[in-house]
PDB file of N, CA and C in Angstrom:
ATOM      1  N   MET A   1     -26.001  -8.670  -5.721  1.00  0.00           N
ATOM      2  CA  MET A   1     -24.896  -8.915  -4.749  1.00  0.00           C
ATOM      3  C   MET A   1     -25.121 -10.348  -3.813  1.00  0.00           C
ATOM      4  N   SER A   2     -24.955 -11.313  -4.052  1.00  0.00           N
ATOM      5  CA  SER A   2     -25.337 -12.457  -2.854  1.00  0.00           C
ATOM      6  C   SER A   2     -24.205 -12.377  -1.714  1.00  0.00           C
ATOM      7  N   GLN A   3     -25.380 -12.946  -1.292  1.00  0.00           N
ATOM      8  CA  GLN A   3     -24.415 -13.303   0.808  1.00  0.00           C
ATOM      9  C   GLN A   3     -23.707 -14.269   0.712  1.00  0.00           C
ATOM     10  N   VAL A   4     -22.381 -13.934   1.126  1.00  0.00           N
ATOM     11  CA  VAL A   4     -21.585 -15.445   1.104  1.00  0.00           C
ATOM     12  C   VAL A   4     -20.989 -15.102   2.384  1.00  0.00           C
ATOM     13  N   SER A   5     -20.884 -16.417   3.175  1.00  0.00           N
ATOM     14  CA  SER A   5     -20.240 -16.574   4.721  1.00  0.00           C
ATOM     15  C   SER A   5     -18.827 -16.592   4.213  1.00  0.00           C
ATOM     16  N   ILE A   6     -17.514 -16.051   4.395  1.00  0.00           N
ATOM     17  CA  ILE A   6     -16.205 -16.208   4.314  1.00  0.00           C
ATOM     18  C   ILE A   6     -15.628 -16.000   6.138  1.00  0.00           C
ATOM     19  N   PRO A   7     -15.385 -17.219   6.719  1.00  0.00           N
ATOM     20  CA  PRO A   7     -15.230 -17.613   7.575  1.00  0.00           C
ATOM     21  C   PRO A   7     -13.308 -17.173   7.655  1.00  0.00           C
ATOM     22  N   ASN A   8     -13.046 -16.531   8.679  1.00  0.00           N
ATOM     23  CA  ASN A   8     -11.853 -16.215   8.905  1.00  0.00           C
ATOM     24  C   ASN A   8     -11.342 -15.157   8.112  1.00  0.00           C
ATOM     25  N   VAL A   9     -12.048 -14.026   7.637  1.00  0.00           N
ATOM     26  CA  VAL A   9     -12.087 -13.402   6.359  1.00  0.00           C
ATOM     27  C   VAL A   9     -10.590 -13.424   6.212  1.00  0.00           C
ATOM     28  N   LYS A  10      -9.734 -12.796   4.547  1.00  0.00           N
ATOM     29  CA  LYS A  10      -8.639 -12.366   4.522  1.00  0.00           C
ATOM     30  C   LYS A  10      -8.752 -11.074   3.467  1.00  0.00           C
ATOM     31  N   ILE A  11      -8.663  -9.738   3.996  1.00  0.00           N
ATOM     32  CA  ILE A  11      -8.835  -8.467   2.966  1.00  0.00           C
ATOM     33  C   ILE A  11      -7.568  -8.284   2.938  1.00  0.00           C
ATOM     34  N   ALA A  12      -7.222  -7.504   1.405  1.00  0.00           N
ATOM     35  CA  ALA A  12      -6.201  -7.078   0.923  1.00  0.00           C
ATOM     36  C   ALA A  12      -6.582  -5.605   0.851  1.00  0.00           C
ATOM     37  N   VAL A  13      -6.373  -4.226   0.906  1.00  0.00           N
ATOM     38  CA  VAL A  13      -6.255  -3.018   0.114  1.00  0.00           C
ATOM     39  C   VAL A  13      -5.356  -2.680  -0.282  1.00  0.00           C
ATOM     40  N   ILE A  14      -5.415  -2.154  -2.032  1.00  0.00           N
ATOM     41  CA  ILE A  14      -4.412  -1.570  -2.711  1.00  0.00           C
ATOM     42  C   ILE A  14      -5.028  -0.319  -3.070  1.00  0.00           C
ATOM     43  N   ASP A  15      -4.264   0.500  -2.792  1.00  0.00           N
ATOM     44  CA  ASP A  15      -4.131   2.554  -2.651  1.00  0.00           C
ATOM     45  C   ASP A  15      -2.854   2.944  -2.700  1.00  0.00           C
ATOM     46  N   GLY A  16      -2.785   3.350  -3.759  1.00  0.00           N
ATOM     47  CA  GLY A  16      -1.308   4.600  -3.678  1.00  0.00           C
ATOM     48  C   GLY A  16      -1.273   5.515  -2.968  1.00  0.00           C
ATOM     49  N   ASP A  17      -2.423   5.863  -2.407  1.00  0.00           N
ATOM     50  CA  ASP A  17      -2.322   7.030  -1.249  1.00  0.00           C
ATOM     51  C   ASP A  17      -2.459   6.635   0.218  1.00  0.00           C
ATOM     52  N   LEU A  18      -1.255   6.833   0.984  1.00  0.00           N
ATOM     53  CA  LEU A  18      -0.999   6.251   2.275  1.00  0.00           C
ATOM     54  C   LEU A  18      -1.735   6.357   3.066  1.00  0.00           C
ATOM     55  N   LEU A  19      -2.621   8.109   3.098  1.00  0.00           N
ATOM     56  CA  LEU A  19      -3.822   8.218   3.753  1.00  0.00           C
ATOM     57  C   LEU A  19      -4.733   7.061   3.602  1.00  0.00           C
ATOM     58  N   VAL A  20      -5.398   7.278   2.465  1.00  0.00           N
ATOM     59  CA  VAL A  20      -7.076   6.416   1.948  1.00  0.00           C
ATOM     60  C   VAL A  20      -6.328   5.415   2.219  1.00  0.00           C
ATOM     61  N   ARG A  21      -5.382   4.557   1.686  1.00  0.00           N
ATOM     62  CA  ARG A  21      -5.119   3.229   2.119  1.00  0.00           C
ATOM     63  C   ARG A  21      -5.251   2.652   3.539  1.00  0.00           C
ATOM     64  N   ASP A  22      -4.297   3.841   4.935  1.00  0.00           N
ATOM     65  CA  ASP A  22      -4.258   3.395   6.113  1.00  0.00           C
ATOM     66  C   ASP A  22      -5.900   3.609   6.475  1.00  0.00           C
ATOM     67  N   PHE A  23      -6.611   4.509   6.120  1.00  0.00           N
ATOM     68  CA  PHE A  23      -8.155   4.799   6.781  1.00  0.00           C
ATOM     69  C   PHE A  23      -8.479   3.595   6.058  1.00  0.00           C
ATOM     70  N   VAL A  24      -8.919   3.467   5.083  1.00  0.00           N
ATOM     71  CA  VAL A  24      -9.645   2.109   4.454  1.00  0.00           C
ATOM     72  C   VAL A  24      -9.158   0.333   4.887  1.00  0.00           C
ATOM     73  N   SER A  25      -8.182   0.698   5.588  1.00  0.00           N
ATOM     74  CA  SER A  25      -7.941  -0.862   6.135  1.00  0.00           C
ATOM     75  C   SER A  25      -8.047  -0.715   8.035  1.00  0.00           C
ATOM     76  N   THR A  26      -7.848   0.470   7.707  1.00  0.00           N
ATOM     77  CA  THR A  26      -8.645   0.423   9.469  1.00  0.00           C
ATOM     78  C   THR A  26      -9.688   0.575   9.759  1.00  0.00           C
ATOM     79  N   VAL A  27     -10.670   1.290   8.993  1.00  0.00           N
ATOM     80  CA  VAL A  27     -12.498   0.877   9.079  1.00  0.00           C
ATOM     81  C   VAL A  27     -12.585  -1.023   8.856  1.00  0.00           C
ATOM     82  N   LEU A  28     -11.411  -1.026   8.037  1.00  0.00           N
ATOM     83  CA  LEU A  28     -11.859  -2.865   7.446  1.00  0.00           C
ATOM     84  C   LEU A  28     -11.523  -3.572   8.519  1.00  0.00           C
ATOM     85  N   MET A  29     -10.564  -3.129   9.156  1.00  0.00           N
ATOM     86  CA  MET A  29     -10.142  -3.869   9.965  1.00  0.00           C
ATOM     87  C   MET A  29     -11.279  -4.481  11.363  1.00  0.00           C
ATOM     88  N   TYR A  30     -11.793  -3.060  11.671  1.00  0.00           N
ATOM     89  CA  TYR A  30     -12.289  -2.759  12.860  1.00  0.00           C
ATOM     90  C   TYR A  30     -13.823  -3.203  12.308  1.00  0.00           C
ATOM     91  N   CYS A  31     -14.137  -3.437  11.043  1.00  0.00           N
ATOM     92  CA  CYS A  31     -15.579  -4.177  10.660  1.00  0.00           C
ATOM     93  C   CYS A  31     -15.730  -5.588  11.094  1.00  0.00           C
ATOM     94  N   VAL A  32     -14.154  -6.244  10.518  1.00  0.00           N
ATOM     95  CA  VAL A  32     -14.493  -8.075  10.397  1.00  0.00           C
ATOM     96  C   VAL A  32     -13.240  -7.959  11.145  1.00  0.00           C
ATOM     97  N   ASN A  33     -12.457  -7.273  12.402  1.00  0.00           N
ATOM     98  CA  ASN A  33     -12.266  -7.710  13.733  1.00  0.00           C
ATOM     99  C   ASN A  33     -10.623  -8.985  12.740  1.00  0.00           C
ATOM    100  N   ARG A  34     -10.144  -8.109  11.977  1.00  0.00           N
ATOM    101  CA  ARG A  34      -9.043  -9.140  11.480  1.00  0.00           C
ATOM    102  C   ARG A  34      -8.094  -8.370  10.896  1.00  0.00           C
ATOM    103  N   ASP A  35      -6.942  -8.776  10.855  1.00  0.00           N
ATOM    104  CA  ASP A  35      -5.820  -7.814  10.106  1.00  0.00           C
ATOM    105  C   ASP A  35      -6.450  -7.649   9.120  1.00  0.00           C
ATOM    106  N   VAL A  36      -5.762  -6.762   8.199  1.00  0.00           N
ATOM    107  CA  VAL A  36      -5.955  -6.241   6.729  1.00  0.00           C
ATOM    108  C   VAL A  36      -4.924  -6.094   5.833  1.00  0.00           C
ATOM    109  N   LEU A  37      -4.137  -6.563   4.826  1.00  0.00           N
ATOM    110  CA  LEU A  37      -3.159  -6.794   4.068  1.00  0.00           C
ATOM    111  C   LEU A  37      -3.386  -5.289   3.433  1.00  0.00           C
ATOM    112  N   SER A  38      -2.030  -4.166   3.476  1.00  0.00           N
ATOM    113  CA  SER A  38      -2.230  -3.325   2.138  1.00  0.00           C
ATOM    114  C   SER A  38      -1.397  -3.027   1.655  1.00  0.00           C
ATOM    115  N   PHE A  39      -1.079  -2.577   0.626  1.00  0.00           N
ATOM    116  CA  PHE A  39      -0.144  -2.818  -0.693  1.00  0.00           C
ATOM    117  C   PHE A  39       0.043  -1.098  -1.196  1.00  0.00           C
ATOM    118  N   ASP A  40       0.620  -0.473  -1.527  1.00  0.00           N
ATOM    119  CA  ASP A  40       0.775   0.900  -2.369  1.00  0.00           C
ATOM    120  C   ASP A  40       0.950   0.495  -3.236  1.00  0.00           C
ATOM    121  N   ASN A  41       1.499  -0.102  -4.203  1.00  0.00           N
ATOM    122  CA  ASN A  41       0.878  -0.861  -5.630  1.00  0.00           C
ATOM    123  C   ASN A  41       0.534  -2.077  -6.414  1.00  0.00           C
ATOM    124  N   GLY A  42       0.168  -2.430  -7.172  1.00  0.00           N
ATOM    125  CA  GLY A  42      -0.387  -3.612  -7.802  1.00  0.00           C
ATOM    126  C   GLY A  42       0.588  -4.260  -7.554  1.00  0.00           C
ATOM    127  N   MET A  43       1.963  -3.952  -8.477  1.00  0.00           N
ATOM    128  CA  MET A  43       2.907  -4.782  -8.599  1.00  0.00           C
ATOM    129  C   MET A  43       3.217  -5.981  -6.888  1.00  0.00           C
ATOM    130  N   ALA A  44       3.184  -5.632  -6.485  1.00  0.00           N
ATOM    131  CA  ALA A  44       3.215  -5.758  -4.867  1.00  0.00           C
ATOM    132  C   ALA A  44       2.200  -6.531  -4.189  1.00  0.00           C
ATOM    133  N   ALA A  45       1.187  -6.446  -4.387  1.00  0.00           N
ATOM    134  CA  ALA A  45      -0.071  -6.828  -4.621  1.00  0.00           C
ATOM    135  C   ALA A  45       0.206  -8.064  -5.331  1.00  0.00           C
ATOM    136  N   TRP A  46       0.015  -7.978  -6.761  1.00  0.00           N
ATOM    137  CA  TRP A  46       0.162  -9.708  -7.175  1.00  0.00           C
ATOM    138  C   TRP A  46       1.146 -10.323  -6.991  1.00  0.00           C
ATOM    139  N   ARG A  47       2.220  -9.951  -6.116  1.00  0.00           N
ATOM    140  CA  ARG A  47       3.664 -10.912  -6.101  1.00  0.00           C
ATOM    141  C   ARG A  47       2.359 -11.719  -4.603  1.00  0.00           C
ATOM    142  N   TYR A  48       2.453 -11.207  -4.045  1.00  0.00           N
ATOM    143  CA  TYR A  48       1.653 -11.428  -2.801  1.00  0.00           C
ATOM    144  C   TYR A  48       0.440 -12.327  -3.225  1.00  0.00           C
ATOM    145  N   LEU A  49      -0.227 -11.666  -4.277  1.00  0.00           N
ATOM    146  CA  LEU A  49      -1.654 -12.701  -4.881  1.00  0.00           C
ATOM    147  C   LEU A  49      -1.263 -13.881  -5.037  1.00  0.00           C
ATOM    148  N   GLU A  50      -0.336 -14.221  -5.932  1.00  0.00           N
ATOM    149  CA  GLU A  50       0.519 -15.179  -6.463  1.00  0.00           C
ATOM    150  C   GLU A  50       0.551 -16.239  -5.410  1.00  0.00           C
ATOM    151  N   GLY A  51       0.669 -16.006  -4.287  1.00  0.00           N
ATOM    152  CA  GLY A  51       1.378 -17.253  -3.334  1.00  0.00           C
ATOM    153  C   GLY A  51       0.091 -17.767  -2.561  1.00  0.00           C
ATOM    154  N   ALA A  52       0.323 -18.858  -1.821  1.00  0.00           N
ATOM    155  CA  ALA A  52      -0.900 -20.299  -1.475  1.00  0.00           C
ATOM    156  C   ALA A  52      -1.526 -19.049  -0.377  1.00  0.00           C
ATOM    157  N   ASP A  53      -0.982 -18.055  -0.210  1.00  0.00           N
ATOM    158  CA  ASP A  53      -2.354 -17.641   1.409  1.00  0.00           C
ATOM    159  C   ASP A  53      -3.584 -16.185   0.934  1.00  0.00           C
ATOM    160  N   SER A  54      -3.545 -16.463  -0.390  1.00  0.00           N
ATOM    161  CA  SER A  54      -4.404 -14.947  -0.984  1.00  0.00           C
ATOM    162  C   SER A  54      -5.349 -14.269  -0.191  1.00  0.00           C
ATOM    163  N   PRO A  55      -5.703 -13.436  -0.044  1.00  0.00           N
ATOM    164  CA  PRO A  55      -6.941 -12.856   0.820  1.00  0.00           C
ATOM    165  C   PRO A  55      -8.465 -13.308  -0.184  1.00  0.00           C
ATOM    166  N   ASP A  56      -9.200 -12.883   0.463  1.00  0.00           N
ATOM    167  CA  ASP A  56     -10.518 -13.614   0.139  1.00  0.00           C
ATOM    168  C   ASP A  56     -11.003 -12.271  -0.362  1.00  0.00           C
ATOM    169  N   ILE A  57     -11.039 -11.046  -0.216  1.00  0.00           N
ATOM    170  CA  ILE A  57     -11.306  -9.590  -0.311  1.00  0.00           C
ATOM    171  C   ILE A  57     -10.516  -9.264  -0.863  1.00  0.00           C
ATOM    172  N   ILE A  58     -10.360  -8.680  -2.092  1.00  0.00           N
ATOM    173  CA  ILE A  58      -9.469  -7.446  -2.642  1.00  0.00           C
ATOM    174  C   ILE A  58     -10.391  -6.217  -2.714  1.00  0.00           C
ATOM    175  N   ILE A  59      -9.947  -5.047  -2.258  1.00  0.00           N
ATOM    176  CA  ILE A  59     -10.168  -3.649  -2.699  1.00  0.00           C
ATOM    177  C   ILE A  59      -8.862  -3.379  -3.189  1.00  0.00           C
ATOM    178  N   SER A  60      -9.247  -2.371  -4.157  1.00  0.00           N
ATOM    179  CA  SER A  60      -8.006  -1.890  -4.591  1.00  0.00           C
ATOM    180  C   SER A  60      -8.834  -0.653  -5.750  1.00  0.00           C
ATOM    181  N   GLU A  61      -7.612   0.389  -5.475  1.00  0.00           N
ATOM    182  CA  GLU A  61      -8.159   1.504  -6.475  1.00  0.00           C
ATOM    183  C   GLU A  61      -7.225   1.484  -7.746  1.00  0.00           C
ATOM    184  N   VAL A  62      -8.480   1.567  -8.666  1.00  0.00           N
ATOM    185  CA  VAL A  62      -8.644   1.183  -9.956  1.00  0.00           C
ATOM    186  C   VAL A  62      -6.939   1.892 -10.822  1.00  0.00           C
ATOM    187  N   ASN A  63      -6.933   3.370 -10.260  1.00  0.00           N
ATOM    188  CA  ASN A  63      -5.579   3.828 -10.694  1.00  0.00           C
ATOM    189  C   ASN A  63      -4.454   3.955 -10.308  1.00  0.00           C
ATOM    190  N   VAL A  64      -4.159   2.409  -9.438  1.00  0.00           N
ATOM    191  CA  VAL A  64      -2.889   2.486  -8.721  1.00  0.00           C
ATOM    192  C   VAL A  64      -1.714   2.018  -9.475  1.00  0.00           C
ATOM    193  N   SER A  65      -0.552   2.209  -9.040  1.00  0.00           N
ATOM    194  CA  SER A  65       0.497   2.025 -10.022  1.00  0.00           C
ATOM    195  C   SER A  65       0.710   0.869 -10.020  1.00  0.00           C
ATOM    196  N   GLY A  66       2.121   0.713 -11.214  1.00  0.00           N
ATOM    197  CA  GLY A  66       2.485  -1.243 -11.051  1.00  0.00           C
ATOM    198  C   GLY A  66       1.377  -1.330 -11.854  1.00  0.00           C
ATOM    199  N   LEU A  67       0.531  -2.532 -11.771  1.00  0.00           N
ATOM    200  CA  LEU A  67      -0.434  -2.974 -12.360  1.00  0.00           C
ATOM    201  C   LEU A  67      -1.651  -2.510 -11.679  1.00  0.00           C
ATOM    202  N   ASN A  68      -2.613  -1.691 -12.167  1.00  0.00           N
ATOM    203  CA  ASN A  68      -3.906  -1.158 -12.039  1.00  0.00           C
ATOM    204  C   ASN A  68      -4.758  -1.767 -12.052  1.00  0.00           C
ATOM    205  N   GLY A  69      -6.188  -1.578 -10.867  1.00  0.00           N
ATOM    206  CA  GLY A  69      -7.240  -2.653 -10.477  1.00  0.00           C
ATOM    207  C   GLY A  69      -7.669  -3.194 -11.623  1.00  0.00           C
ATOM    208  N   PHE A  70      -8.092  -2.805 -12.738  1.00  0.00           N
ATOM    209  CA  PHE A  70      -8.733  -3.719 -13.858  1.00  0.00           C
ATOM    210  C   PHE A  70      -7.964  -5.021 -14.432  1.00  0.00           C
ATOM    211  N   GLU A  71      -6.214  -4.671 -14.056  1.00  0.00           N
ATOM    212  CA  GLU A  71      -5.169  -5.445 -14.224  1.00  0.00           C
ATOM    213  C   GLU A  71      -5.076  -6.596 -13.618  1.00  0.00           C
ATOM    214  N   LEU A  72      -5.605  -6.181 -12.305  1.00  0.00           N
ATOM    215  CA  LEU A  72      -5.428  -7.242 -11.193  1.00  0.00           C
ATOM    216  C   LEU A  72      -6.537  -7.995 -11.113  1.00  0.00           C
ATOM    217  N   LEU A  73      -7.785  -7.450 -11.728  1.00  0.00           N
ATOM    218  CA  LEU A  73      -9.203  -8.222 -11.421  1.00  0.00           C
ATOM    219  C   LEU A  73      -8.916  -9.475 -12.351  1.00  0.00           C
ATOM    220  N   ALA A  74      -7.587  -9.403 -13.200  1.00  0.00           N
ATOM    221  CA  ALA A  74      -7.750 -10.799 -14.481  1.00  0.00           C
ATOM    222  C   ALA A  74      -7.333 -11.948 -13.831  1.00  0.00           C
ATOM    223  N   ARG A  75      -6.934 -12.130 -12.303  1.00  0.00           N
ATOM    224  CA  ARG A  75      -6.310 -12.739 -11.941  1.00  0.00           C
ATOM    225  C   ARG A  75      -7.390 -14.222 -11.478  1.00  0.00           C
ATOM    226  N   ASP A  76      -8.403 -13.310 -11.363  1.00  0.00           N
ATOM    227  CA  ASP A  76      -9.915 -14.122 -10.590  1.00  0.00           C
ATOM    228  C   ASP A  76     -10.944 -13.987 -11.631  1.00  0.00           C
ATOM    229  N   SER A  77     -10.852 -12.903 -12.775  1.00  0.00           N
ATOM    230  CA  SER A  77     -11.627 -12.928 -13.649  1.00  0.00           C
ATOM    231  C   SER A  77     -12.654 -12.437 -13.351  1.00  0.00           C
ATOM    232  N   GLY A  78     -12.837 -11.460 -12.599  1.00  0.00           N
ATOM    233  CA  GLY A  78     -14.120 -10.274 -12.469  1.00  0.00           C
ATOM    234  C   GLY A  78     -13.949  -9.853 -10.813  1.00  0.00           C
ATOM    235  N   ALA A  79     -15.020  -9.407 -11.105  1.00  0.00           N
ATOM    236  CA  ALA A  79     -15.277  -8.394  -9.774  1.00  0.00           C
ATOM    237  C   ALA A  79     -16.933  -8.510  -9.082  1.00  0.00           C
ATOM    238  N   ASP A  80     -16.992  -8.571  -7.899  1.00  0.00           N
ATOM    239  CA  ASP A  80     -18.441  -9.095  -7.345  1.00  0.00           C
ATOM    240  C   ASP A  80     -18.944  -7.640  -7.091  1.00  0.00           C
ATOM    241  N   ALA A  81     -18.163  -6.523  -6.755  1.00  0.00           N
ATOM    242  CA  ALA A  81     -18.637  -5.381  -6.099  1.00  0.00           C
ATOM    243  C   ALA A  81     -17.906  -4.183  -6.724  1.00  0.00           C
ATOM    244  N   PHE A  82     -18.448  -2.921  -7.299  1.00  0.00           N
ATOM    245  CA  PHE A  82     -17.612  -1.902  -7.705  1.00  0.00           C
ATOM    246  C   PHE A  82     -18.315  -0.632  -6.884  1.00  0.00           C
ATOM    247  N   LEU A  83     -17.643   0.254  -6.201  1.00  0.00           N
ATOM    248  CA  LEU A  83     -17.361   1.495  -5.370  1.00  0.00           C
ATOM    249  C   LEU A  83     -17.044   2.604  -5.906  1.00  0.00           C
ATOM    250  N   ALA A  84     -17.036   3.652  -6.478  1.00  0.00           N
ATOM    251  CA  ALA A  84     -16.814   4.862  -6.752  1.00  0.00           C
ATOM    252  C   ALA A  84     -16.785   5.593  -5.973  1.00  0.00           C
ATOM    253  N   LYS A  85     -15.229   6.410  -6.180  1.00  0.00           N
ATOM    254  CA  LYS A  85     -14.792   7.287  -5.376  1.00  0.00           C
ATOM    255  C   LYS A  85     -15.634   8.502  -5.330  1.00  0.00           C
ATOM    256  N   PRO A  86     -15.933   9.183  -4.303  1.00  0.00           N
ATOM    257  CA  PRO A  86     -15.616   9.072  -2.954  1.00  0.00           C
ATOM    258  C   PRO A  86     -16.401   7.829  -2.591  1.00  0.00           C
ATOM    259  N   VAL A  87     -15.995   6.808  -1.649  1.00  0.00           N
ATOM    260  CA  VAL A  87     -16.860   6.024  -1.311  1.00  0.00           C
ATOM    261  C   VAL A  87     -16.665   6.817   0.401  1.00  0.00           C
ATOM    262  N   SER A  88     -18.242   6.255   0.488  1.00  0.00           N
ATOM    263  CA  SER A  88     -18.542   6.281   2.423  1.00  0.00           C
ATOM    264  C   SER A  88     -18.248   4.949   2.972  1.00  0.00           C
ATOM    265  N   VAL A  89     -18.158   5.308   4.635  1.00  0.00           N
ATOM    266  CA  VAL A  89     -17.565   4.088   5.391  1.00  0.00           C
ATOM    267  C   VAL A  89     -18.939   2.945   4.954  1.00  0.00           C
ATOM    268  N   THR A  90     -20.351   3.683   5.044  1.00  0.00           N
ATOM    269  CA  THR A  90     -21.666   2.582   5.263  1.00  0.00           C
ATOM    270  C   THR A  90     -21.573   2.001   4.290  1.00  0.00           C
ATOM    271  N   ASP A  91     -21.345   2.683   2.704  1.00  0.00           N
ATOM    272  CA  ASP A  91     -21.294   1.537   1.699  1.00  0.00           C
ATOM    273  C   ASP A  91     -19.634   0.797   1.688  1.00  0.00           C
ATOM    274  N   LEU A  92     -18.787   0.856   2.092  1.00  0.00           N
ATOM    275  CA  LEU A  92     -17.597   0.285   2.064  1.00  0.00           C
ATOM    276  C   LEU A  92     -18.408  -1.279   3.059  1.00  0.00           C
ATOM    277  N   PHE A  93     -18.514  -0.824   4.353  1.00  0.00           N
ATOM    278  CA  PHE A  93     -19.481  -1.914   5.236  1.00  0.00           C
ATOM    279  C   PHE A  93     -20.072  -2.406   4.535  1.00  0.00           C
ATOM    280  N   ARG A  94     -21.379  -2.017   3.781  1.00  0.00           N
ATOM    281  CA  ARG A  94     -21.766  -2.649   3.306  1.00  0.00           C
ATOM    282  C   ARG A  94     -21.609  -3.243   2.270  1.00  0.00           C
ATOM    283  N   VAL A  95     -20.814  -3.668   1.027  1.00  0.00           N
ATOM    284  CA  VAL A  95     -20.134  -4.154   0.164  1.00  0.00           C
ATOM    285  C   VAL A  95     -19.290  -5.593   0.816  1.00  0.00           C
ATOM    286  N   VAL A  96     -18.240  -5.089   1.945  1.00  0.00           N
ATOM    287  CA  VAL A  96     -17.653  -6.255   2.613  1.00  0.00           C
ATOM    288  C   VAL A  96     -18.514  -6.689   3.722  1.00  0.00           C
ATOM    289  N   GLU A  97     -19.557  -6.433   4.197  1.00  0.00           N
ATOM    290  CA  GLU A  97     -20.739  -7.314   5.186  1.00  0.00           C
ATOM    291  C   GLU A  97     -21.252  -7.952   4.504  1.00  0.00           C
ATOM    292  N   ALA A  98     -21.737  -8.355   3.125  1.00  0.00           N
ATOM    293  CA  ALA A  98     -22.415  -8.915   2.284  1.00  0.00           C
ATOM    294  C   ALA A  98     -21.566 -10.357   1.933  1.00  0.00           C
ATOM    295  N   PHE A  99     -20.350 -10.292   2.380  1.00  0.00           N
ATOM    296  CA  PHE A  99     -19.358 -11.737   2.318  1.00  0.00           C
ATOM    297  C   PHE A  99     -18.676 -11.623   3.537  1.00  0.00           C
ATOM    298  N   VAL A 100     -18.568 -11.228   4.526  1.00  0.00           N
ATOM    299  CA  VAL A 100     -18.818 -11.753   5.677  1.00  0.00           C
ATOM    300  C   VAL A 100     -19.883 -12.002   6.684  1.00  0.00           C
ATOM    301  N   VAL A 101     -20.749 -12.719   6.424  1.00  0.00           N
ATOM    302  CA  VAL A 101     -22.180 -12.845   7.063  1.00  0.00           C
ATOM    303  C   VAL A 101     -21.710 -13.212   9.034  1.00  0.00           C
TER     304      VAL A 101
END
């Protein structure tokens, strides 16, 4: 995974579990000091992603309802990183910080 600098990074979190989604969003908000978008299903995220102001980093549960994480990947044809659950905060920070230097 190469390091890329994304100024004013926009991050979206997609997870059907409210507790997980809120936790990951809050952790990331403090990691990058930016608001983090959150979605409870893949279809809501897809509708937002079709807009002009799409996020730079998308963190999605694979088994989310609507469009699953793999179907959402088709939008940009791939992923730069993959983390298996349970995810540690350290691993999450490490992946995000690789793109937000």
